[in-house]
Amino acid sequence: MSVAFVFPGQGSQVVGMGKALFDALPESRAVFEEADAALGFALSRLCFEGPEAELQLTANTQPAILATSVAALRPLLARGVRPDGVAGHSLGEYSALVAAGAMGLADALHTVRRRGEYMQEAVPVGTGTMAAILGLDLPAIEDACREAAAGEVVSPANVNSPGQVVIAGHATAVDRASALCRAKGAKRAVSLPVSAPFHCALMKPAQDRLAHDLAGLAFRDPAVPLVNNVDARVVRDGEACRDGLVRQVSGAVRWQESVELLARDAVDVFVEVGPGTVLSGLVRKIAKGARVLNVDSPESLEAAVAALGAGAEG
C-alpha cells in the first residue's frame, strides 16, 4: 500500500471548520494556538465563529484553510500514519510543504496571508472573474480561450479532472470564452463567485510581490516526494519548492496531471487532509480504483487510521 496526502485549496472554507478537531485533539489545538500566536490575532475564532464575510476575505481564507489542514494532519501523523508522497491544490501546496517538512508552519501562515492580500490587490474588483467549464476536453477549452481573448486575458486556471476545467481572466473575455465553450459542446459554463481571477496572467503583479517574500525564507528539502501543481512533477529539493510556489500564482493548477502522476507512481490510497471533500471527488474521477479517504474531523480521523491499519499511538 502506498499513501499520498492531498491538501485542499481555497473554496473549502466554512464557518466552524476545525472546531471539532480543536475540541477533541490536543495536537490540533496546538496548531490553532500556534497559528494565533504567529499571526497576532485569533484566527481560530474566525475559523470557528466567523463572521462569514470576514472569513471569505482571501487574506483570511488562505491562512484559515492552511491552519485547519495542518490541524487535521498533526493527529494523523501522531497516530503513525505517514505519507509516501504529498500534493496540494493551489494554496494546498503550502500545507503539503509543511507536511513534508520543507516549510515551517509560521512561515507558511505569514506567506499565505500576504499571498491573499497580493492576489486581491492585483486586479480591481469586478475586472476579472473565473468560470467552470464542464463536459468539454482541455484542447477545445484552450482553443475557445484563444479565440475569445481579443487582446484580453483568458486561459485555463484549474485543470481539475476529466471534464472539469476552470478558466480565469478579464470578466468580458471569460464571458466570451464561456459562450464559445458552450457552442463547442460544453455541458455547462458556470460563473464562479470569486474575489479575483486566480491562476492567470493577471496575477503576475501578485507573483512578483510574493517572489520577494519567498526569497527571504528558508526552505528545506522535502522529507517525502512532493508533486507541485504548476508543473505536475515531483520536486525533491527546497529551491524547487520555492520556485513552484512563485510560478503557481499566475500558472494553471495542473491537478489532474498531478494525481495521475501519483497514481502512476503506485499510490493506491489518497487521503484528503483538511476541510471539505472536494479533492476526494476529483481524485475518484482521475484515479479510478484508488481508495480515497478524508480527514477533517475526529470521526474521519479515526476511520482513516483504522482503514490504513496504523497503530493508535497518540
C-alpha atoms as a PDB file:
ATOM      1  CA  MET A   1       0.000   0.000   0.000  1.00  0.00           C
ATOM      2  CA  SER A   2       1.291   3.435  -0.989  1.00  0.00           C
ATOM      3  CA  VAL A   3      -0.393   6.501   0.531  1.00  0.00           C
ATOM      4  CA  ALA A   4      -0.481  10.108  -0.667  1.00  0.00           C
ATOM      5  CA  PHE A   5      -1.766  13.012   1.401  1.00  0.00           C
ATOM      6  CA  VAL A   6      -3.530  15.688  -0.662  1.00  0.00           C
ATOM      7  CA  PHE A   7      -4.442  19.102   0.700  1.00  0.00           C
ATOM      8  CA  PRO A   8      -7.337  21.357  -0.363  1.00  0.00           C
ATOM      9  CA  GLY A   9      -7.083  24.928  -1.527  1.00  0.00           C
ATOM     10  CA  GLN A  10      -9.364  27.912  -1.452  1.00  0.00           C
ATOM     11  CA  GLY A  11     -13.027  27.073  -1.787  1.00  0.00           C
ATOM     12  CA  SER A  12     -13.056  24.693   1.187  1.00  0.00           C
ATOM     13  CA  GLN A  13     -13.709  27.340   3.837  1.00  0.00           C
ATOM     14  CA  VAL A  14     -16.820  27.235   6.023  1.00  0.00           C
ATOM     15  CA  VAL A  15     -17.528  28.794   9.399  1.00  0.00           C
ATOM     16  CA  GLY A  16     -16.895  26.165  12.062  1.00  0.00           C
ATOM     17  CA  MET A  17     -14.119  24.349  10.219  1.00  0.00           C
ATOM     18  CA  GLY A  18     -11.608  22.766  12.547  1.00  0.00           C
ATOM     19  CA  LYS A  19     -13.702  23.324  15.686  1.00  0.00           C
ATOM     20  CA  ALA A  20     -14.340  19.616  16.338  1.00  0.00           C
ATOM     21  CA  LEU A  21     -10.633  18.858  15.869  1.00  0.00           C
ATOM     22  CA  PHE A  22      -9.702  21.687  18.252  1.00  0.00           C
ATOM     23  CA  ASP A  23     -12.139  20.500  20.916  1.00  0.00           C
ATOM     24  CA  ALA A  24     -11.196  16.820  20.773  1.00  0.00           C
ATOM     25  CA  LEU A  25      -7.497  16.593  19.930  1.00  0.00           C
ATOM     26  CA  PRO A  26      -4.540  18.233  21.684  1.00  0.00           C
ATOM     27  CA  GLU A  27      -2.395  18.055  18.531  1.00  0.00           C
ATOM     28  CA  SER A  28      -4.998  20.075  16.629  1.00  0.00           C
ATOM     29  CA  ARG A  29      -5.470  22.540  19.469  1.00  0.00           C
ATOM     30  CA  ALA A  30      -1.729  23.204  19.467  1.00  0.00           C
ATOM     31  CA  VAL A  31      -1.800  24.034  15.747  1.00  0.00           C
ATOM     32  CA  PHE A  32      -4.518  26.664  16.144  1.00  0.00           C
ATOM     33  CA  GLU A  33      -2.731  28.135  19.173  1.00  0.00           C
ATOM     34  CA  GLU A  34       0.478  28.332  17.139  1.00  0.00           C
ATOM     35  CA  ALA A  35      -1.403  29.996  14.282  1.00  0.00           C
ATOM     36  CA  ASP A  36      -2.997  32.595  16.561  1.00  0.00           C
ATOM     37  CA  ALA A  37       0.396  33.424  18.082  1.00  0.00           C
ATOM     38  CA  ALA A  38       2.166  33.584  14.709  1.00  0.00           C
ATOM     39  CA  LEU A  39      -0.383  35.893  13.100  1.00  0.00           C
ATOM     40  CA  GLY A  40      -1.075  38.039  16.137  1.00  0.00           C
ATOM     41  CA  PHE A  41      -4.861  37.678  16.007  1.00  0.00           C
ATOM     42  CA  ALA A  42      -7.425  34.980  16.811  1.00  0.00           C
ATOM     43  CA  LEU A  43      -7.519  33.093  13.514  1.00  0.00           C
ATOM     44  CA  SER A  44      -9.033  30.169  15.427  1.00  0.00           C
ATOM     45  CA  ARG A  45     -12.043  32.259  16.498  1.00  0.00           C
ATOM     46  CA  LEU A  46     -12.534  33.407  12.899  1.00  0.00           C
ATOM     47  CA  CYS A  47     -12.479  29.777  11.710  1.00  0.00           C
ATOM     48  CA  PHE A  48     -14.885  28.597  14.393  1.00  0.00           C
ATOM     49  CA  GLU A  49     -17.296  31.541  14.697  1.00  0.00           C
ATOM     50  CA  GLY A  50     -16.869  33.787  11.634  1.00  0.00           C
ATOM     51  CA  PRO A  51     -18.304  36.209  10.706  1.00  0.00           C
ATOM     52  CA  GLU A  52     -18.584  34.521   7.319  1.00  0.00           C
ATOM     53  CA  ALA A  53     -17.948  37.741   5.371  1.00  0.00           C
ATOM     54  CA  GLU A  54     -14.624  38.175   7.149  1.00  0.00           C
ATOM     55  CA  LEU A  55     -13.641  34.536   6.707  1.00  0.00           C
ATOM     56  CA  GLN A  56     -14.360  34.829   2.964  1.00  0.00           C
ATOM     57  CA  LEU A  57     -11.737  37.570   2.538  1.00  0.00           C
ATOM     58  CA  THR A  58      -8.910  35.777   0.765  1.00  0.00           C
ATOM     59  CA  ALA A  59      -6.247  37.173   3.136  1.00  0.00           C
ATOM     60  CA  ASN A  60      -8.118  35.363   5.930  1.00  0.00           C
ATOM     61  CA  THR A  61      -9.329  32.364   3.944  1.00  0.00           C
ATOM     62  CA  GLN A  62      -5.841  31.260   2.969  1.00  0.00           C
ATOM     63  CA  PRO A  63      -4.305  31.016   6.474  1.00  0.00           C
ATOM     64  CA  ALA A  64      -7.600  29.597   7.803  1.00  0.00           C
ATOM     65  CA  ILE A  65      -7.533  26.671   5.367  1.00  0.00           C
ATOM     66  CA  LEU A  66      -3.817  26.124   5.943  1.00  0.00           C
ATOM     67  CA  ALA A  67      -4.234  26.040   9.741  1.00  0.00           C
ATOM     68  CA  THR A  68      -7.238  23.718   9.540  1.00  0.00           C
ATOM     69  CA  SER A  69      -5.385  21.373   7.183  1.00  0.00           C
ATOM     70  CA  VAL A  70      -2.349  21.163   9.468  1.00  0.00           C
ATOM     71  CA  ALA A  71      -4.697  20.686  12.438  1.00  0.00           C
ATOM     72  CA  ALA A  72      -6.027  17.595  10.626  1.00  0.00           C
ATOM     73  CA  LEU A  73      -2.516  16.485   9.663  1.00  0.00           C
ATOM     74  CA  ARG A  74      -0.818  16.530  13.072  1.00  0.00           C
ATOM     75  CA  PRO A  75      -3.042  13.946  14.829  1.00  0.00           C
ATOM     76  CA  LEU A  76      -2.816  11.721  11.752  1.00  0.00           C
ATOM     77  CA  LEU A  77       0.975  11.767  11.994  1.00  0.00           C
ATOM     78  CA  ALA A  78       0.778  11.243  15.771  1.00  0.00           C
ATOM     79  CA  ARG A  79      -1.168   8.036  15.156  1.00  0.00           C
ATOM     80  CA  GLY A  80       1.561   6.577  12.996  1.00  0.00           C
ATOM     81  CA  VAL A  81       0.208   7.362   9.519  1.00  0.00           C
ATOM     82  CA  ARG A  82       2.965   8.583   7.203  1.00  0.00           C
ATOM     83  CA  PRO A  83       2.584   9.592   3.549  1.00  0.00           C
ATOM     84  CA  ASP A  84       4.682   8.240   0.703  1.00  0.00           C
ATOM     85  CA  GLY A  85       4.015  11.435  -1.252  1.00  0.00           C
ATOM     86  CA  VAL A  86       2.165  14.740  -0.881  1.00  0.00           C
ATOM     87  CA  ALA A  87       0.446  17.265  -3.131  1.00  0.00           C
ATOM     88  CA  GLY A  88      -1.813  20.256  -2.670  1.00  0.00           C
ATOM     89  CA  HIS A  89      -4.322  22.084  -4.859  1.00  0.00           C
ATOM     90  CA  SER A  90      -3.103  25.688  -5.299  1.00  0.00           C
ATOM     91  CA  LEU A  91      -2.990  27.068  -1.735  1.00  0.00           C
ATOM     92  CA  GLY A  92      -2.928  23.445  -0.540  1.00  0.00           C
ATOM     93  CA  GLU A  93       0.661  23.147  -1.732  1.00  0.00           C
ATOM     94  CA  TYR A  94       1.700  25.161   1.338  1.00  0.00           C
ATOM     95  CA  SER A  95       0.030  22.573   3.585  1.00  0.00           C
ATOM     96  CA  ALA A  96       1.797  19.845   1.604  1.00  0.00           C
ATOM     97  CA  LEU A  97       5.147  21.582   2.136  1.00  0.00           C
ATOM     98  CA  VAL A  98       4.505  21.797   5.887  1.00  0.00           C
ATOM     99  CA  ALA A  99       3.584  18.098   5.879  1.00  0.00           C
ATOM    100  CA  ALA A 100       6.816  17.261   4.043  1.00  0.00           C
ATOM    101  CA  GLY A 101       8.920  19.319   6.453  1.00  0.00           C
ATOM    102  CA  ALA A 102      10.048  21.723   3.722  1.00  0.00           C
ATOM    103  CA  MET A 103       8.420  24.776   5.298  1.00  0.00           C
ATOM    104  CA  GLY A 104       7.607  25.748   8.873  1.00  0.00           C
ATOM    105  CA  LEU A 105       4.001  26.408   9.846  1.00  0.00           C
ATOM    106  CA  ALA A 106       4.598  30.000  10.991  1.00  0.00           C
ATOM    107  CA  ASP A 107       6.405  30.892   7.739  1.00  0.00           C
ATOM    108  CA  ALA A 108       3.631  29.279   5.709  1.00  0.00           C
ATOM    109  CA  LEU A 109       0.900  31.156   7.596  1.00  0.00           C
ATOM    110  CA  HIS A 110       2.556  34.553   7.174  1.00  0.00           C
ATOM    111  CA  THR A 111       3.216  33.865   3.498  1.00  0.00           C
ATOM    112  CA  VAL A 112      -0.293  32.759   2.570  1.00  0.00           C
ATOM    113  CA  ARG A 113      -1.824  35.738   4.379  1.00  0.00           C
ATOM    114  CA  ARG A 114       0.276  38.072   2.232  1.00  0.00           C
ATOM    115  CA  ARG A 115      -0.399  35.890  -0.821  1.00  0.00           C
ATOM    116  CA  GLY A 116      -4.104  36.506  -0.322  1.00  0.00           C
ATOM    117  CA  GLU A 117      -3.580  40.248   0.021  1.00  0.00           C
ATOM    118  CA  TYR A 118      -1.399  40.410  -3.081  1.00  0.00           C
ATOM    119  CA  MET A 119      -3.851  38.392  -5.169  1.00  0.00           C
ATOM    120  CA  GLN A 120      -6.766  40.577  -4.122  1.00  0.00           C
ATOM    121  CA  GLU A 121      -4.846  43.774  -4.863  1.00  0.00           C
ATOM    122  CA  ALA A 122      -3.527  42.615  -8.262  1.00  0.00           C
ATOM    123  CA  VAL A 123      -6.804  43.230 -10.120  1.00  0.00           C
ATOM    124  CA  PRO A 124      -9.535  45.793  -9.346  1.00  0.00           C
ATOM    125  CA  VAL A 125     -12.716  44.145  -8.041  1.00  0.00           C
ATOM    126  CA  GLY A 126     -15.048  43.325 -10.927  1.00  0.00           C
ATOM    127  CA  THR A 127     -12.342  43.411 -13.598  1.00  0.00           C
ATOM    128  CA  GLY A 128     -11.656  39.693 -13.558  1.00  0.00           C
ATOM    129  CA  THR A 129     -13.567  36.503 -12.901  1.00  0.00           C
ATOM    130  CA  MET A 130     -13.480  32.698 -13.219  1.00  0.00           C
ATOM    131  CA  ALA A 131     -15.858  30.138 -14.705  1.00  0.00           C
ATOM    132  CA  ALA A 132     -16.082  26.351 -14.505  1.00  0.00           C
ATOM    133  CA  ILE A 133     -16.370  24.591 -17.875  1.00  0.00           C
ATOM    134  CA  LEU A 134     -17.967  21.162 -17.534  1.00  0.00           C
ATOM    135  CA  GLY A 135     -18.030  18.368 -20.084  1.00  0.00           C
ATOM    136  CA  LEU A 136     -15.526  19.697 -22.633  1.00  0.00           C
ATOM    137  CA  ASP A 137     -11.969  18.496 -23.223  1.00  0.00           C
ATOM    138  CA  LEU A 138      -8.983  20.703 -22.453  1.00  0.00           C
ATOM    139  CA  PRO A 139      -7.806  21.290 -26.080  1.00  0.00           C
ATOM    140  CA  ALA A 140     -11.255  22.611 -27.022  1.00  0.00           C
ATOM    141  CA  ILE A 141     -11.254  24.899 -23.981  1.00  0.00           C
ATOM    142  CA  GLU A 142      -7.784  26.180 -24.855  1.00  0.00           C
ATOM    143  CA  ASP A 143      -8.997  26.906 -28.393  1.00  0.00           C
ATOM    144  CA  ALA A 144     -12.026  28.776 -27.048  1.00  0.00           C
ATOM    145  CA  CYS A 145      -9.817  30.889 -24.791  1.00  0.00           C
ATOM    146  CA  ARG A 146      -7.526  31.820 -27.684  1.00  0.00           C
ATOM    147  CA  GLU A 147     -10.494  32.739 -29.881  1.00  0.00           C
ATOM    148  CA  ALA A 148     -12.160  34.756 -27.108  1.00  0.00           C
ATOM    149  CA  ALA A 149      -9.147  36.714 -25.861  1.00  0.00           C
ATOM    150  CA  ALA A 150      -9.345  39.656 -28.303  1.00  0.00           C
ATOM    151  CA  GLY A 151      -6.416  41.358 -26.601  1.00  0.00           C
ATOM    152  CA  GLU A 152      -7.567  40.467 -23.091  1.00  0.00           C
ATOM    153  CA  VAL A 153      -6.539  37.643 -20.747  1.00  0.00           C
ATOM    154  CA  VAL A 154      -8.463  34.356 -20.518  1.00  0.00           C
ATOM    155  CA  SER A 155      -6.918  30.910 -20.013  1.00  0.00           C
ATOM    156  CA  PRO A 156      -7.351  27.594 -18.182  1.00  0.00           C
ATOM    157  CA  ALA A 157      -6.659  28.179 -14.473  1.00  0.00           C
ATOM    158  CA  ASN A 158      -7.523  24.854 -12.801  1.00  0.00           C
ATOM    159  CA  VAL A 159      -7.387  21.592 -14.749  1.00  0.00           C
ATOM    160  CA  ASN A 160      -9.213  19.676 -12.050  1.00  0.00           C
ATOM    161  CA  SER A 161     -10.372  16.390 -13.570  1.00  0.00           C
ATOM    162  CA  PRO A 162     -11.630  14.946 -16.855  1.00  0.00           C
ATOM    163  CA  GLY A 163     -14.491  17.215 -17.871  1.00  0.00           C
ATOM    164  CA  GLN A 164     -13.883  19.895 -15.230  1.00  0.00           C
ATOM    165  CA  VAL A 165     -11.689  22.881 -16.087  1.00  0.00           C
ATOM    166  CA  VAL A 166     -11.855  26.369 -14.581  1.00  0.00           C
ATOM    167  CA  ILE A 167     -10.916  29.360 -16.751  1.00  0.00           C
ATOM    168  CA  ALA A 168      -9.861  32.805 -15.493  1.00  0.00           C
ATOM    169  CA  GLY A 169      -9.113  36.275 -16.823  1.00  0.00           C
ATOM    170  CA  HIS A 170     -10.829  39.535 -17.693  1.00  0.00           C
ATOM    171  CA  ALA A 171     -14.562  39.214 -16.977  1.00  0.00           C
ATOM    172  CA  THR A 172     -15.578  40.110 -20.530  1.00  0.00           C
ATOM    173  CA  ALA A 173     -13.120  37.612 -22.036  1.00  0.00           C
ATOM    174  CA  VAL A 174     -14.256  34.859 -19.646  1.00  0.00           C
ATOM    175  CA  ASP A 175     -17.853  35.506 -20.727  1.00  0.00           C
ATOM    176  CA  ARG A 176     -16.870  35.245 -24.403  1.00  0.00           C
ATOM    177  CA  ALA A 177     -14.866  32.067 -23.790  1.00  0.00           C
ATOM    178  CA  SER A 178     -17.732  30.528 -21.798  1.00  0.00           C
ATOM    179  CA  ALA A 179     -20.128  31.144 -24.694  1.00  0.00           C
ATOM    180  CA  LEU A 180     -17.655  29.606 -27.144  1.00  0.00           C
ATOM    181  CA  CYS A 181     -17.205  26.565 -24.902  1.00  0.00           C
ATOM    182  CA  ARG A 182     -20.958  26.040 -24.839  1.00  0.00           C
ATOM    183  CA  ALA A 183     -21.008  26.339 -28.626  1.00  0.00           C
ATOM    184  CA  LYS A 184     -18.241  23.703 -28.814  1.00  0.00           C
ATOM    185  CA  GLY A 185     -20.310  21.253 -26.776  1.00  0.00           C
ATOM    186  CA  ALA A 186     -19.660  22.009 -23.092  1.00  0.00           C
ATOM    187  CA  LYS A 187     -22.455  20.717 -20.864  1.00  0.00           C
ATOM    188  CA  ARG A 188     -22.274  23.829 -18.685  1.00  0.00           C
ATOM    189  CA  ALA A 189     -20.249  27.005 -18.164  1.00  0.00           C
ATOM    190  CA  VAL A 190     -20.754  28.238 -14.620  1.00  0.00           C
ATOM    191  CA  SER A 191     -19.574  31.644 -13.401  1.00  0.00           C
ATOM    192  CA  LEU A 192     -17.842  31.313 -10.027  1.00  0.00           C
ATOM    193  CA  PRO A 193     -18.321  33.717  -7.094  1.00  0.00           C
ATOM    194  CA  VAL A 194     -14.647  34.597  -6.657  1.00  0.00           C
ATOM    195  CA  SER A 195     -12.982  37.786  -5.494  1.00  0.00           C
ATOM    196  CA  ALA A 196     -10.208  37.700  -8.125  1.00  0.00           C
ATOM    197  CA  PRO A 197      -9.174  35.808 -11.294  1.00  0.00           C
ATOM    198  CA  PHE A 198      -6.650  33.413  -9.764  1.00  0.00           C
ATOM    199  CA  HIS A 199      -4.016  31.441 -11.708  1.00  0.00           C
ATOM    200  CA  CYS A 200      -3.847  33.538 -14.850  1.00  0.00           C
ATOM    201  CA  ALA A 201      -1.541  36.240 -16.257  1.00  0.00           C
ATOM    202  CA  LEU A 202      -3.473  38.967 -14.409  1.00  0.00           C
ATOM    203  CA  MET A 203      -1.879  37.621 -11.200  1.00  0.00           C
ATOM    204  CA  LYS A 204       1.663  38.482 -12.342  1.00  0.00           C
ATOM    205  CA  PRO A 205       1.879  41.578 -10.047  1.00  0.00           C
ATOM    206  CA  ALA A 206       0.962  39.367  -7.089  1.00  0.00           C
ATOM    207  CA  GLN A 207       3.512  36.767  -8.202  1.00  0.00           C
ATOM    208  CA  ASP A 208       6.300  39.363  -8.302  1.00  0.00           C
ATOM    209  CA  ARG A 209       5.469  40.617  -4.800  1.00  0.00           C
ATOM    210  CA  LEU A 210       5.260  37.096  -3.386  1.00  0.00           C
ATOM    211  CA  ALA A 211       8.564  36.111  -5.017  1.00  0.00           C
ATOM    212  CA  HIS A 212      10.278  38.799  -2.946  1.00  0.00           C
ATOM    213  CA  ASP A 213       8.781  37.406   0.278  1.00  0.00           C
ATOM    214  CA  LEU A 214       9.593  33.796  -0.571  1.00  0.00           C
ATOM    215  CA  ALA A 215      13.204  34.725  -1.383  1.00  0.00           C
ATOM    216  CA  GLY A 216      13.710  35.634   2.264  1.00  0.00           C
ATOM    217  CA  LEU A 217      12.526  32.298   3.673  1.00  0.00           C
ATOM    218  CA  ALA A 218      14.491  29.138   4.398  1.00  0.00           C
ATOM    219  CA  PHE A 219      13.228  26.043   2.578  1.00  0.00           C
ATOM    220  CA  ARG A 220      14.348  22.532   3.455  1.00  0.00           C
ATOM    221  CA  ASP A 221      14.371  19.559   1.104  1.00  0.00           C
ATOM    222  CA  PRO A 222      11.030  17.743   1.491  1.00  0.00           C
ATOM    223  CA  ALA A 223      11.245  14.540   3.524  1.00  0.00           C
ATOM    224  CA  VAL A 224       8.846  12.823   1.101  1.00  0.00           C
ATOM    225  CA  PRO A 225       8.329  13.443  -2.627  1.00  0.00           C
ATOM    226  CA  LEU A 226       6.121  16.450  -3.350  1.00  0.00           C
ATOM    227  CA  VAL A 227       4.203  16.871  -6.605  1.00  0.00           C
ATOM    228  CA  ASN A 228       3.931  20.579  -7.349  1.00  0.00           C
ATOM    229  CA  ASN A 229       0.825  21.667  -9.188  1.00  0.00           C
ATOM    230  CA  VAL A 230       2.280  24.230 -11.599  1.00  0.00           C
ATOM    231  CA  ASP A 231       4.402  21.575 -13.348  1.00  0.00           C
ATOM    232  CA  ALA A 232       2.726  18.346 -12.164  1.00  0.00           C
ATOM    233  CA  ARG A 233       6.154  16.931 -11.394  1.00  0.00           C
ATOM    234  CA  VAL A 234       7.971  15.546  -8.362  1.00  0.00           C
ATOM    235  CA  VAL A 235      10.251  18.016  -6.582  1.00  0.00           C
ATOM    236  CA  ARG A 236      12.802  16.885  -4.019  1.00  0.00           C
ATOM    237  CA  ASP A 237      14.774  19.997  -3.054  1.00  0.00           C
ATOM    238  CA  GLY A 238      13.913  23.200  -1.237  1.00  0.00           C
ATOM    239  CA  GLU A 239      14.779  25.552  -4.081  1.00  0.00           C
ATOM    240  CA  ALA A 240      12.415  23.738  -6.434  1.00  0.00           C
ATOM    241  CA  CYS A 241       9.694  24.014  -3.780  1.00  0.00           C
ATOM    242  CA  ARG A 242      10.223  27.772  -3.561  1.00  0.00           C
ATOM    243  CA  ASP A 243      10.229  28.184  -7.342  1.00  0.00           C
ATOM    244  CA  GLY A 244       6.981  26.248  -7.682  1.00  0.00           C
ATOM    245  CA  LEU A 245       5.228  28.467  -5.150  1.00  0.00           C
ATOM    246  CA  VAL A 246       6.267  31.557  -7.091  1.00  0.00           C
ATOM    247  CA  ARG A 247       5.168  30.326 -10.513  1.00  0.00           C
ATOM    248  CA  GLN A 248       1.874  28.815  -9.376  1.00  0.00           C
ATOM    249  CA  VAL A 249       0.423  32.282  -8.632  1.00  0.00           C
ATOM    250  CA  SER A 250      -0.098  33.040 -12.323  1.00  0.00           C
ATOM    251  CA  GLY A 251       0.238  29.471 -13.616  1.00  0.00           C
ATOM    252  CA  ALA A 252      -2.546  26.938 -14.056  1.00  0.00           C
ATOM    253  CA  VAL A 253      -3.168  24.313 -11.374  1.00  0.00           C
ATOM    254  CA  ARG A 254      -2.470  21.019 -13.139  1.00  0.00           C
ATOM    255  CA  TRP A 255      -4.356  18.908 -10.616  1.00  0.00           C
ATOM    256  CA  GLN A 256      -5.480  16.115 -12.923  1.00  0.00           C
ATOM    257  CA  GLU A 257      -1.906  15.509 -14.085  1.00  0.00           C
ATOM    258  CA  SER A 258      -0.611  15.674 -10.502  1.00  0.00           C
ATOM    259  CA  VAL A 259      -2.973  12.933  -9.351  1.00  0.00           C
ATOM    260  CA  GLU A 260      -2.252  10.871 -12.464  1.00  0.00           C
ATOM    261  CA  LEU A 261       1.477  11.111 -11.684  1.00  0.00           C
ATOM    262  CA  LEU A 262       0.965   9.910  -8.119  1.00  0.00           C
ATOM    263  CA  ALA A 263      -1.184   7.028  -9.368  1.00  0.00           C
ATOM    264  CA  ARG A 264       1.489   6.045 -11.923  1.00  0.00           C
ATOM    265  CA  ASP A 265       3.998   6.039  -9.076  1.00  0.00           C
ATOM    266  CA  ALA A 266       1.927   3.264  -7.436  1.00  0.00           C
ATOM    267  CA  VAL A 267      -0.065   5.394  -4.998  1.00  0.00           C
ATOM    268  CA  ASP A 268      -3.252   3.438  -4.365  1.00  0.00           C
ATOM    269  CA  VAL A 269      -4.628   5.346  -1.356  1.00  0.00           C
ATOM    270  CA  PHE A 270      -5.292   9.089  -1.340  1.00  0.00           C
ATOM    271  CA  VAL A 271      -6.099  10.849   1.926  1.00  0.00           C
ATOM    272  CA  GLU A 272      -7.576  14.348   1.663  1.00  0.00           C
ATOM    273  CA  VAL A 273      -6.299  16.172   4.741  1.00  0.00           C
ATOM    274  CA  GLY A 274      -8.179  19.371   5.568  1.00  0.00           C
ATOM    275  CA  PRO A 275     -11.615  20.941   5.338  1.00  0.00           C
ATOM    276  CA  GLY A 276     -14.145  19.507   2.897  1.00  0.00           C
ATOM    277  CA  THR A 277     -14.108  16.643   0.418  1.00  0.00           C
ATOM    278  CA  VAL A 278     -13.730  18.481  -2.909  1.00  0.00           C
ATOM    279  CA  LEU A 279     -10.422  16.794  -3.745  1.00  0.00           C
ATOM    280  CA  SER A 280     -11.804  13.380  -2.793  1.00  0.00           C
ATOM    281  CA  GLY A 281     -14.409  13.731  -5.536  1.00  0.00           C
ATOM    282  CA  LEU A 282     -11.818  14.852  -8.075  1.00  0.00           C
ATOM    283  CA  VAL A 283      -9.410  12.035  -7.187  1.00  0.00           C
ATOM    284  CA  ARG A 284     -12.169   9.452  -7.689  1.00  0.00           C
ATOM    285  CA  LYS A 285     -12.710  10.764 -11.215  1.00  0.00           C
ATOM    286  CA  ILE A 286      -8.990  10.755 -12.032  1.00  0.00           C
ATOM    287  CA  ALA A 287      -7.541   7.681 -10.289  1.00  0.00           C
ATOM    288  CA  LYS A 288     -10.350   5.201 -10.759  1.00  0.00           C
ATOM    289  CA  GLY A 289      -9.852   2.222  -8.477  1.00  0.00           C
ATOM    290  CA  ALA A 290      -7.797   4.101  -5.895  1.00  0.00           C
ATOM    291  CA  ARG A 291      -9.025   4.161  -2.322  1.00  0.00           C
ATOM    292  CA  VAL A 292      -9.972   7.667  -1.178  1.00  0.00           C
ATOM    293  CA  LEU A 293     -10.207   8.764   2.456  1.00  0.00           C
ATOM    294  CA  ASN A 294     -10.503  12.138   4.124  1.00  0.00           C
ATOM    295  CA  VAL A 295      -9.599  13.653   7.482  1.00  0.00           C
ATOM    296  CA  ASP A 296     -11.398  16.784   8.673  1.00  0.00           C
ATOM    297  CA  SER A 297     -12.949  15.679  11.987  1.00  0.00           C
ATOM    298  CA  PRO A 298     -12.172  13.356  14.916  1.00  0.00           C
ATOM    299  CA  GLU A 299     -14.517  10.747  13.428  1.00  0.00           C
ATOM    300  CA  SER A 300     -12.978  10.798   9.945  1.00  0.00           C
ATOM    301  CA  LEU A 301      -9.508  10.748  11.551  1.00  0.00           C
ATOM    302  CA  GLU A 302     -10.223   7.534  13.447  1.00  0.00           C
ATOM    303  CA  ALA A 303     -11.873   5.984  10.390  1.00  0.00           C
ATOM    304  CA  ALA A 304      -8.808   6.778   8.265  1.00  0.00           C
ATOM    305  CA  VAL A 305      -6.407   5.442  10.890  1.00  0.00           C
ATOM    306  CA  ALA A 306      -8.424   2.220  11.116  1.00  0.00           C
ATOM    307  CA  ALA A 307      -8.584   1.866   7.335  1.00  0.00           C
ATOM    308  CA  LEU A 308      -4.850   2.364   6.983  1.00  0.00           C
ATOM    309  CA  GLY A 309      -4.035  -0.080   9.759  1.00  0.00           C
ATOM    310  CA  ALA A 310      -1.846   2.352  11.703  1.00  0.00           C
ATOM    311  CA  GLY A 311      -1.314   1.892  15.381  1.00  0.00           C
ATOM    312  CA  ALA A 312      -3.123   4.402  17.581  1.00  0.00           C
ATOM    313  CA  GLU A 313      -0.094   5.922  19.269  1.00  0.00           C
ATOM    314  CA  GLY A 314      -1.483   9.281  20.261  1.00  0.00           C
END
